[in-house]
PDB file of N, CA and C in Angstrom:
ATOM      1  N   MET A   1      88.279  79.957  67.540  1.00  0.00           N
ATOM      2  CA  MET A   1      88.448  79.369  68.850  1.00  0.00           C
ATOM      3  C   MET A   1      89.719  78.530  68.847  1.00  0.00           C
ATOM      4  N   LYS A   2      90.523  78.695  69.884  1.00  0.00           N
ATOM      5  CA  LYS A   2      91.760  77.944  70.018  1.00  0.00           C
ATOM      6  C   LYS A   2      91.472  76.516  70.459  1.00  0.00           C
ATOM      7  N   GLN A   3      92.279  75.601  69.960  1.00  0.00           N
ATOM      8  CA  GLN A   3      92.220  74.205  70.368  1.00  0.00           C
ATOM      9  C   GLN A   3      93.425  73.967  71.270  1.00  0.00           C
ATOM     10  N   VAL A   4      93.178  73.673  72.542  1.00  0.00           N
ATOM     11  CA  VAL A   4      94.242  73.489  73.524  1.00  0.00           C
ATOM     12  C   VAL A   4      94.201  72.056  74.026  1.00  0.00           C
ATOM     13  N   LYS A   5      95.375  71.423  74.047  1.00  0.00           N
ATOM     14  CA  LYS A   5      95.458  70.062  74.567  1.00  0.00           C
ATOM     15  C   LYS A   5      96.523  70.007  75.656  1.00  0.00           C
ATOM     16  N   ILE A   6      96.178  69.336  76.734  1.00  0.00           N
ATOM     17  CA  ILE A   6      97.109  69.074  77.821  1.00  0.00           C
ATOM     18  C   ILE A   6      97.505  67.610  77.669  1.00  0.00           C
ATOM     19  N   LEU A   7      98.778  67.363  77.395  1.00  0.00           N
ATOM     20  CA  LEU A   7      99.253  66.000  77.226  1.00  0.00           C
ATOM     21  C   LEU A   7      99.882  65.529  78.532  1.00  0.00           C
ATOM     22  N   GLY A   8      99.412  64.407  79.041  1.00  0.00           N
ATOM     23  CA  GLY A   8      99.975  63.860  80.266  1.00  0.00           C
ATOM     24  C   GLY A   8      99.192  62.663  80.743  1.00  0.00           C
ATOM     25  N   THR A   9      99.801  61.916  81.625  1.00  0.00           N
ATOM     26  CA  THR A   9      99.206  60.661  82.083  1.00  0.00           C
ATOM     27  C   THR A   9      98.298  60.828  83.289  1.00  0.00           C
ATOM     28  N   GLY A  10      98.053  62.046  83.724  1.00  0.00           N
ATOM     29  CA  GLY A  10      97.177  62.273  84.868  1.00  0.00           C
ATOM     30  C   GLY A  10      97.934  62.485  86.163  1.00  0.00           C
ATOM     31  N   CYS A  11      99.244  62.691  86.066  1.00  0.00           N
ATOM     32  CA  CYS A  11     100.062  62.927  87.259  1.00  0.00           C
ATOM     33  C   CYS A  11      99.748  64.303  87.848  1.00  0.00           C
ATOM     34  N   ALA A  12     100.332  64.594  88.993  1.00  0.00           N
ATOM     35  CA  ALA A  12     100.069  65.860  89.681  1.00  0.00           C
ATOM     36  C   ALA A  12     100.448  67.064  88.825  1.00  0.00           C
ATOM     37  N   LYS A  13     101.602  67.016  88.144  1.00  0.00           N
ATOM     38  CA  LYS A  13     102.019  68.147  87.316  1.00  0.00           C
ATOM     39  C   LYS A  13     101.110  68.323  86.104  1.00  0.00           C
ATOM     40  N   CYS A  14     100.624  67.232  85.556  1.00  0.00           N
ATOM     41  CA  CYS A  14      99.692  67.315  84.424  1.00  0.00           C
ATOM     42  C   CYS A  14      98.395  67.995  84.859  1.00  0.00           C
ATOM     43  N   ASN A  15      97.911  67.613  86.030  1.00  0.00           N
ATOM     44  CA  ASN A  15      96.699  68.245  86.561  1.00  0.00           C
ATOM     45  C   ASN A  15      96.955  69.704  86.914  1.00  0.00           C
ATOM     46  N   GLN A  16      98.148  70.009  87.411  1.00  0.00           N
ATOM     47  CA  GLN A  16      98.504  71.397  87.731  1.00  0.00           C
ATOM     48  C   GLN A  16      98.514  72.245  86.460  1.00  0.00           C
ATOM     49  N   LEU A  17      99.063  71.700  85.360  1.00  0.00           N
ATOM     50  CA  LEU A  17      99.063  72.436  84.096  1.00  0.00           C
ATOM     51  C   LEU A  17      97.636  72.664  83.606  1.00  0.00           C
ATOM     52  N   ALA A  18      96.802  71.641  83.692  1.00  0.00           N
ATOM     53  CA  ALA A  18      95.410  71.781  83.257  1.00  0.00           C
ATOM     54  C   ALA A  18      94.697  72.867  84.059  1.00  0.00           C
ATOM     55  N   ASP A  19      94.895  72.871  85.372  1.00  0.00           N
ATOM     56  CA  ASP A  19      94.269  73.901  86.216  1.00  0.00           C
ATOM     57  C   ASP A  19      94.782  75.291  85.858  1.00  0.00           C
ATOM     58  N   ALA A  20      96.099  75.409  85.639  1.00  0.00           N
ATOM     59  CA  ALA A  20      96.689  76.710  85.308  1.00  0.00           C
ATOM     60  C   ALA A  20      96.182  77.215  83.964  1.00  0.00           C
ATOM     61  N   VAL A  21      96.091  76.329  82.981  1.00  0.00           N
ATOM     62  CA  VAL A  21      95.591  76.711  81.655  1.00  0.00           C
ATOM     63  C   VAL A  21      94.144  77.175  81.750  1.00  0.00           C
ATOM     64  N   ASN A  22      93.334  76.423  82.465  1.00  0.00           N
ATOM     65  CA  ASN A  22      91.924  76.817  82.616  1.00  0.00           C
ATOM     66  C   ASN A  22      91.784  78.151  83.343  1.00  0.00           C
ATOM     67  N   ALA A  23      92.641  78.407  84.323  1.00  0.00           N
ATOM     68  CA  ALA A  23      92.589  79.682  85.052  1.00  0.00           C
ATOM     69  C   ALA A  23      92.951  80.850  84.134  1.00  0.00           C
ATOM     70  N   VAL A  24      93.989  80.688  83.315  1.00  0.00           N
ATOM     71  CA  VAL A  24      94.393  81.757  82.393  1.00  0.00           C
ATOM     72  C   VAL A  24      93.319  81.986  81.339  1.00  0.00           C
ATOM     73  N   ILE A  25      92.756  80.926  80.821  1.00  0.00           N
ATOM     74  CA  ILE A  25      91.688  81.056  79.820  1.00  0.00           C
ATOM     75  C   ILE A  25      90.506  81.835  80.400  1.00  0.00           C
ATOM     76  N   ALA A  26      90.143  81.520  81.634  1.00  0.00           N
ATOM     77  CA  ALA A  26      89.024  82.218  82.274  1.00  0.00           C
ATOM     78  C   ALA A  26      89.369  83.674  82.563  1.00  0.00           C
ATOM     79  N   SER A  27      90.551  83.932  83.106  1.00  0.00           N
ATOM     80  CA  SER A  27      90.913  85.298  83.493  1.00  0.00           C
ATOM     81  C   SER A  27      91.137  86.211  82.297  1.00  0.00           C
ATOM     82  N   GLU A  28      91.588  85.640  81.173  1.00  0.00           N
ATOM     83  CA  GLU A  28      91.868  86.441  79.981  1.00  0.00           C
ATOM     84  C   GLU A  28      90.728  86.403  78.964  1.00  0.00           C
ATOM     85  N   SER A  29      89.648  85.705  79.289  1.00  0.00           N
ATOM     86  CA  SER A  29      88.500  85.551  78.384  1.00  0.00           C
ATOM     87  C   SER A  29      88.920  85.048  77.003  1.00  0.00           C
ATOM     88  N   ILE A  30      89.768  84.033  77.002  1.00  0.00           N
ATOM     89  CA  ILE A  30      90.229  83.426  75.756  1.00  0.00           C
ATOM     90  C   ILE A  30      89.219  82.366  75.339  1.00  0.00           C
ATOM     91  N   GLU A  31      88.805  82.421  74.077  1.00  0.00           N
ATOM     92  CA  GLU A  31      87.891  81.407  73.569  1.00  0.00           C
ATOM     93  C   GLU A  31      88.715  80.186  73.194  1.00  0.00           C
ATOM     94  N   ALA A  32      88.540  79.116  73.965  1.00  0.00           N
ATOM     95  CA  ALA A  32      89.340  77.924  73.724  1.00  0.00           C
ATOM     96  C   ALA A  32      88.589  76.677  74.150  1.00  0.00           C
ATOM     97  N   GLU A  33      88.883  75.609  73.448  1.00  0.00           N
ATOM     98  CA  GLU A  33      88.377  74.292  73.804  1.00  0.00           C
ATOM     99  C   GLU A  33      89.572  73.521  74.367  1.00  0.00           C
ATOM    100  N   VAL A  34      89.452  73.062  75.612  1.00  0.00           N
ATOM    101  CA  VAL A  34      90.553  72.377  76.278  1.00  0.00           C
ATOM    102  C   VAL A  34      90.251  70.885  76.360  1.00  0.00           C
ATOM    103  N   GLU A  35      91.250  70.096  75.979  1.00  0.00           N
ATOM    104  CA  GLU A  35      91.120  68.646  76.019  1.00  0.00           C
ATOM    105  C   GLU A  35      92.335  68.060  76.730  1.00  0.00           C
ATOM    106  N   LYS A  36      92.089  67.130  77.641  1.00  0.00           N
ATOM    107  CA  LYS A  36      93.186  66.412  78.282  1.00  0.00           C
ATOM    108  C   LYS A  36      93.414  65.120  77.503  1.00  0.00           C
ATOM    109  N   VAL A  37      94.667  64.890  77.128  1.00  0.00           N
ATOM    110  CA  VAL A  37      95.035  63.689  76.384  1.00  0.00           C
ATOM    111  C   VAL A  37      95.922  62.841  77.285  1.00  0.00           C
ATOM    112  N   GLU A  38      95.419  61.660  77.662  1.00  0.00           N
ATOM    113  CA  GLU A  38      96.167  60.788  78.563  1.00  0.00           C
ATOM    114  C   GLU A  38      96.640  59.507  77.887  1.00  0.00           C
ATOM    115  N   ASP A  39      96.212  59.263  76.660  1.00  0.00           N
ATOM    116  CA  ASP A  39      96.599  58.063  75.923  1.00  0.00           C
ATOM    117  C   ASP A  39      98.036  58.219  75.411  1.00  0.00           C
ATOM    118  N   MET A  40      98.925  57.299  75.820  1.00  0.00           N
ATOM    119  CA  MET A  40     100.336  57.409  75.459  1.00  0.00           C
ATOM    120  C   MET A  40     100.571  57.364  73.945  1.00  0.00           C
ATOM    121  N   GLN A  41      99.790  56.613  73.213  1.00  0.00           N
ATOM    122  CA  GLN A  41      99.939  56.578  71.755  1.00  0.00           C
ATOM    123  C   GLN A  41      99.694  57.966  71.153  1.00  0.00           C
ATOM    124  N   LYS A  42      98.661  58.640  71.645  1.00  0.00           N
ATOM    125  CA  LYS A  42      98.336  59.982  71.142  1.00  0.00           C
ATOM    126  C   LYS A  42      99.397  60.991  71.565  1.00  0.00           C
ATOM    127  N   ILE A  43      99.910  60.848  72.785  1.00  0.00           N
ATOM    128  CA  ILE A  43     100.968  61.748  73.267  1.00  0.00           C
ATOM    129  C   ILE A  43     102.219  61.570  72.412  1.00  0.00           C
ATOM    130  N   MET A  44     102.585  60.328  72.130  1.00  0.00           N
ATOM    131  CA  MET A  44     103.777  60.050  71.328  1.00  0.00           C
ATOM    132  C   MET A  44     103.638  60.583  69.901  1.00  0.00           C
ATOM    133  N   ALA A  45     102.417  60.694  69.407  1.00  0.00           N
ATOM    134  CA  ALA A  45     102.190  61.238  68.066  1.00  0.00           C
ATOM    135  C   ALA A  45     102.653  62.693  67.969  1.00  0.00           C
ATOM    136  N   TYR A  46     102.731  63.386  69.105  1.00  0.00           N
ATOM    137  CA  TYR A  46     103.214  64.770  69.145  1.00  0.00           C
ATOM    138  C   TYR A  46     104.727  64.819  69.359  1.00  0.00           C
ATOM    139  N   ASN A  47     105.383  63.653  69.389  1.00  0.00           N
ATOM    140  CA  ASN A  47     106.822  63.567  69.621  1.00  0.00           C
ATOM    141  C   ASN A  47     107.187  64.151  70.990  1.00  0.00           C
ATOM    142  N   VAL A  48     106.339  63.909  71.967  1.00  0.00           N
ATOM    143  CA  VAL A  48     106.555  64.383  73.327  1.00  0.00           C
ATOM    144  C   VAL A  48     106.999  63.209  74.180  1.00  0.00           C
ATOM    145  N   LEU A  49     108.172  63.344  74.792  1.00  0.00           N
ATOM    146  CA  LEU A  49     108.695  62.302  75.664  1.00  0.00           C
ATOM    147  C   LEU A  49     108.644  62.712  77.130  1.00  0.00           C
ATOM    148  N   SER A  50     108.414  63.988  77.385  1.00  0.00           N
ATOM    149  CA  SER A  50     108.386  64.507  78.743  1.00  0.00           C
ATOM    150  C   SER A  50     107.082  65.266  78.966  1.00  0.00           C
ATOM    151  N   THR A  51     106.304  64.811  79.927  1.00  0.00           N
ATOM    152  CA  THR A  51     105.028  65.459  80.209  1.00  0.00           C
ATOM    153  C   THR A  51     105.132  66.210  81.527  1.00  0.00           C
ATOM    154  N   PRO A  52     104.262  67.168  81.754  1.00  0.00           N
ATOM    155  CA  PRO A  52     103.130  67.559  80.931  1.00  0.00           C
ATOM    156  C   PRO A  52     103.582  68.370  79.716  1.00  0.00           C
ATOM    157  N   ALA A  53     102.703  68.428  78.736  1.00  0.00           N
ATOM    158  CA  ALA A  53     102.972  69.231  77.546  1.00  0.00           C
ATOM    159  C   ALA A  53     101.721  70.021  77.189  1.00  0.00           C
ATOM    160  N   LEU A  54     101.951  71.182  76.597  1.00  0.00           N
ATOM    161  CA  LEU A  54     100.864  72.064  76.179  1.00  0.00           C
ATOM    162  C   LEU A  54     100.885  72.166  74.663  1.00  0.00           C
ATOM    163  N   VAL A  55      99.756  71.853  74.032  1.00  0.00           N
ATOM    164  CA  VAL A  55      99.606  71.947  72.586  1.00  0.00           C
ATOM    165  C   VAL A  55      98.530  72.986  72.309  1.00  0.00           C
ATOM    166  N   VAL A  56      98.855  73.977  71.490  1.00  0.00           N
ATOM    167  CA  VAL A  56      97.900  75.017  71.118  1.00  0.00           C
ATOM    168  C   VAL A  56      97.782  75.022  69.601  1.00  0.00           C
ATOM    169  N   ASP A  57      96.571  74.811  69.123  1.00  0.00           N
ATOM    170  CA  ASP A  57      96.291  74.782  67.684  1.00  0.00           C
ATOM    171  C   ASP A  57      97.257  73.855  66.942  1.00  0.00           C
ATOM    172  N   GLY A  58      97.498  72.674  67.522  1.00  0.00           N
ATOM    173  CA  GLY A  58      98.300  71.654  66.868  1.00  0.00           C
ATOM    174  C   GLY A  58      99.804  71.775  67.067  1.00  0.00           C
ATOM    175  N   GLU A  59     100.281  72.847  67.726  1.00  0.00           N
ATOM    176  CA  GLU A  59     101.710  73.053  67.942  1.00  0.00           C
ATOM    177  C   GLU A  59     102.056  72.810  69.403  1.00  0.00           C
ATOM    178  N   VAL A  60     103.108  72.019  69.637  1.00  0.00           N
ATOM    179  CA  VAL A  60     103.592  71.833  71.008  1.00  0.00           C
ATOM    180  C   VAL A  60     104.264  73.131  71.412  1.00  0.00           C
ATOM    181  N   ARG A  61     103.741  73.777  72.435  1.00  0.00           N
ATOM    182  CA  ARG A  61     104.269  75.069  72.875  1.00  0.00           C
ATOM    183  C   ARG A  61     105.228  74.920  74.051  1.00  0.00           C
ATOM    184  N   CYS A  62     105.025  73.918  74.881  1.00  0.00           N
ATOM    185  CA  CYS A  62     105.918  73.703  76.013  1.00  0.00           C
ATOM    186  C   CYS A  62     105.758  72.274  76.493  1.00  0.00           C
ATOM    187  N   LYS A  63     106.847  71.692  77.000  1.00  0.00           N
ATOM    188  CA  LYS A  63     106.775  70.316  77.489  1.00  0.00           C
ATOM    189  C   LYS A  63     107.740  70.119  78.653  1.00  0.00           C
ATOM    190  N   GLY A  64     107.356  69.191  79.523  1.00  0.00           N
ATOM    191  CA  GLY A  64     108.217  68.812  80.635  1.00  0.00           C
ATOM    192  C   GLY A  64     108.168  69.699  81.851  1.00  0.00           C
ATOM    193  N   ARG A  65     107.289  70.687  81.855  1.00  0.00           N
ATOM    194  CA  ARG A  65     107.199  71.597  83.003  1.00  0.00           C
ATOM    195  C   ARG A  65     105.859  72.322  82.989  1.00  0.00           C
ATOM    196  N   VAL A  66     105.590  73.019  84.083  1.00  0.00           N
ATOM    197  CA  VAL A  66     104.384  73.840  84.183  1.00  0.00           C
ATOM    198  C   VAL A  66     104.824  75.301  84.106  1.00  0.00           C
ATOM    199  N   PRO A  67     104.495  75.994  83.021  1.00  0.00           N
ATOM    200  CA  PRO A  67     104.893  77.401  82.882  1.00  0.00           C
ATOM    201  C   PRO A  67     104.148  78.295  83.871  1.00  0.00           C
ATOM    202  N   SER A  68     104.723  79.467  84.109  1.00  0.00           N
ATOM    203  CA  SER A  68     104.072  80.460  84.969  1.00  0.00           C
ATOM    204  C   SER A  68     102.814  80.980  84.290  1.00  0.00           C
ATOM    205  N   ALA A  69     101.977  81.648  85.064  1.00  0.00           N
ATOM    206  CA  ALA A  69     100.732  82.206  84.521  1.00  0.00           C
ATOM    207  C   ALA A  69     101.025  83.223  83.420  1.00  0.00           C
ATOM    208  N   SER A  70     102.042  84.066  83.618  1.00  0.00           N
ATOM    209  CA  SER A  70     102.357  85.070  82.595  1.00  0.00           C
ATOM    210  C   SER A  70     102.871  84.411  81.317  1.00  0.00           C
ATOM    211  N   GLU A  71     103.648  83.349  81.455  1.00  0.00           N
ATOM    212  CA  GLU A  71     104.115  82.638  80.265  1.00  0.00           C
ATOM    213  C   GLU A  71     102.962  81.930  79.563  1.00  0.00           C
ATOM    214  N   LEU A  72     102.046  81.372  80.346  1.00  0.00           N
ATOM    215  CA  LEU A  72     100.873  80.724  79.751  1.00  0.00           C
ATOM    216  C   LEU A  72     100.050  81.719  78.950  1.00  0.00           C
ATOM    217  N   LYS A  73      99.917  82.956  79.450  1.00  0.00           N
ATOM    218  CA  LYS A  73      99.186  83.981  78.702  1.00  0.00           C
ATOM    219  C   LYS A  73      99.792  84.173  77.321  1.00  0.00           C
ATOM    220  N   GLU A  74     101.119  84.239  77.260  1.00  0.00           N
ATOM    221  CA  GLU A  74     101.803  84.405  75.978  1.00  0.00           C
ATOM    222  C   GLU A  74     101.618  83.179  75.088  1.00  0.00           C
ATOM    223  N   LEU A  75     101.763  81.986  75.687  1.00  0.00           N
ATOM    224  CA  LEU A  75     101.661  80.749  74.908  1.00  0.00           C
ATOM    225  C   LEU A  75     100.261  80.545  74.334  1.00  0.00           C
ATOM    226  N   LEU A  76      99.251  80.997  75.075  1.00  0.00           N
ATOM    227  CA  LEU A  76      97.869  80.828  74.631  1.00  0.00           C
ATOM    228  C   LEU A  76      97.403  81.960  73.727  1.00  0.00           C
ATOM    229  N   ALA A  77      98.035  83.126  73.841  1.00  0.00           N
ATOM    230  CA  ALA A  77      97.539  84.310  73.150  1.00  0.00           C
ATOM    231  C   ALA A  77      97.820  84.329  71.653  1.00  0.00           C
ATOM    232  N   GLY A  78      99.015  83.948  71.259  1.00  0.00           N
ATOM    233  CA  GLY A  78      99.349  84.134  69.861  1.00  0.00           C
ATOM    234  C   GLY A  78     100.128  82.980  69.284  1.00  0.00           C
ATOM    235  N   PRO A  79     100.671  83.212  68.092  1.00  0.00           N
ATOM    236  CA  PRO A  79     101.447  82.159  67.432  1.00  0.00           C
ATOM    237  C   PRO A  79     102.749  81.900  68.181  1.00  0.00           C
ATOM    238  N   ALA A  80     103.322  80.718  67.977  1.00  0.00           N
ATOM    239  CA  ALA A  80     104.570  80.350  68.635  1.00  0.00           C
ATOM    240  C   ALA A  80     105.673  81.313  68.217  1.00  0.00           C
ATOM    241  N   LYS A  81     106.507  81.687  69.183  1.00  0.00           N
ATOM    242  CA  LYS A  81     107.627  82.565  68.899  1.00  0.00           C
ATOM    243  C   LYS A  81     108.856  81.731  68.611  1.00  0.00           C
ATOM    244  N   LYS A  82     109.578  82.104  67.598  1.00  0.00           N
ATOM    245  CA  LYS A  82     110.835  81.425  67.301  1.00  0.00           C
ATOM    246  C   LYS A  82     111.841  81.808  68.379  1.00  0.00           C
ATOM    247  N   GLY A  83     112.578  80.815  68.840  1.00  0.00           N
ATOM    248  CA  GLY A  83     113.615  81.085  69.825  1.00  0.00           C
ATOM    249  C   GLY A  83     113.143  80.966  71.248  1.00  0.00           C
ATOM    250  N   GLY A  84     111.866  80.817  71.466  1.00  0.00           N
ATOM    251  CA  GLY A  84     111.358  80.695  72.824  1.00  0.00           C
ATOM    252  C   GLY A  84     111.303  79.250  73.254  1.00  0.00           C
ATOM    253  N   CYS A  85     110.658  79.012  74.357  1.00  0.00           N
ATOM    254  CA  CYS A  85     110.525  77.655  74.882  1.00  0.00           C
ATOM    255  C   CYS A  85     109.820  76.785  73.865  1.00  0.00           C
ATOM    256  N   CYS A  86     110.498  75.775  73.394  1.00  0.00           N
ATOM    257  CA  CYS A  86     109.959  74.836  72.403  1.00  0.00           C
ATOM    258  C   CYS A  86     109.590  75.535  71.103  1.00  0.00           C
ATOM    259  N   GLY A  87     110.122  76.711  70.874  1.00  0.00           N
ATOM    260  CA  GLY A  87     109.794  77.458  69.661  1.00  0.00           C
ATOM    261  C   GLY A  87     110.723  77.174  68.501  1.00  0.00           C
ATOM    262  N   GLY A  88     111.694  76.278  68.702  1.00  0.00           N
ATOM    263  CA  GLY A  88     112.545  75.886  67.592  1.00  0.00           C
ATOM    264  C   GLY A  88     113.762  76.761  67.393  1.00  0.00           C
ATOM    265  N   GLY A  89     114.081  77.589  68.358  1.00  0.00           N
ATOM    266  CA  GLY A  89     115.253  78.442  68.184  1.00  0.00           C
ATOM    267  C   GLY A  89     116.160  78.361  69.381  1.00  0.00           C
ATOM    268  N   GLY A  90     116.860  79.428  69.633  1.00  0.00           N
ATOM    269  CA  GLY A  90     117.740  79.470  70.789  1.00  0.00           C
ATOM    270  C   GLY A  90     119.116  78.936  70.457  1.00  0.00           C
ATOM    271  N   ASN A  91     119.820  78.496  71.490  1.00  0.00           N
ATOM    272  CA  ASN A  91     121.198  78.069  71.313  1.00  0.00           C
ATOM    273  C   ASN A  91     121.337  76.576  71.081  1.00  0.00           C
ATOM    274  N   GLY A  92     120.267  75.905  70.762  1.00  0.00           N
ATOM    275  CA  GLY A  92     120.317  74.482  70.484  1.00  0.00           C
ATOM    276  C   GLY A  92     119.988  73.623  71.687  1.00  0.00           C
ATOM    277  N   SER A  93     120.007  74.198  72.878  1.00  0.00           N
ATOM    278  CA  SER A  93     119.649  73.418  74.052  1.00  0.00           C
ATOM    279  C   SER A  93     118.166  73.571  74.309  1.00  0.00           C
ATOM    280  N   SER A  94     117.583  72.566  74.892  1.00  0.00           N
ATOM    281  CA  SER A  94     116.150  72.602  75.140  1.00  0.00           C
ATOM    282  C   SER A  94     115.867  73.142  76.525  1.00  0.00           C
ATOM    283  N   CYS A  95     114.960  74.081  76.612  1.00  0.00           N
ATOM    284  CA  CYS A  95     114.570  74.605  77.918  1.00  0.00           C
ATOM    285  C   CYS A  95     113.498  73.746  78.550  1.00  0.00           C
ATOM    286  N   CYS A  96     112.965  72.841  77.792  1.00  0.00           N
ATOM    287  CA  CYS A  96     111.848  72.035  78.285  1.00  0.00           C
ATOM    288  C   CYS A  96     112.298  70.657  78.668  1.00  0.00           C
TER     289      CYS A  96
END
């Protein structure tokens, strides 16, 4: 079972990400436990300065935006891809 965390202070975008994640999990029948983390100390422990952020199995997969449903499917489905959004690759600039 996947461990999914939504990091954010409860703002509209954080709630939008939580709703989108729950919708993808339901539509794709993904076995996952979803937790909303609103405590700033816990958020900072993930080295996240821009919320909302999505953490899957302990890895920050995306931060600072709400991904599309198709991107969420990819982020929730498998391991992080190198070179993708927050995947540690690319041209050195952050997409998030």
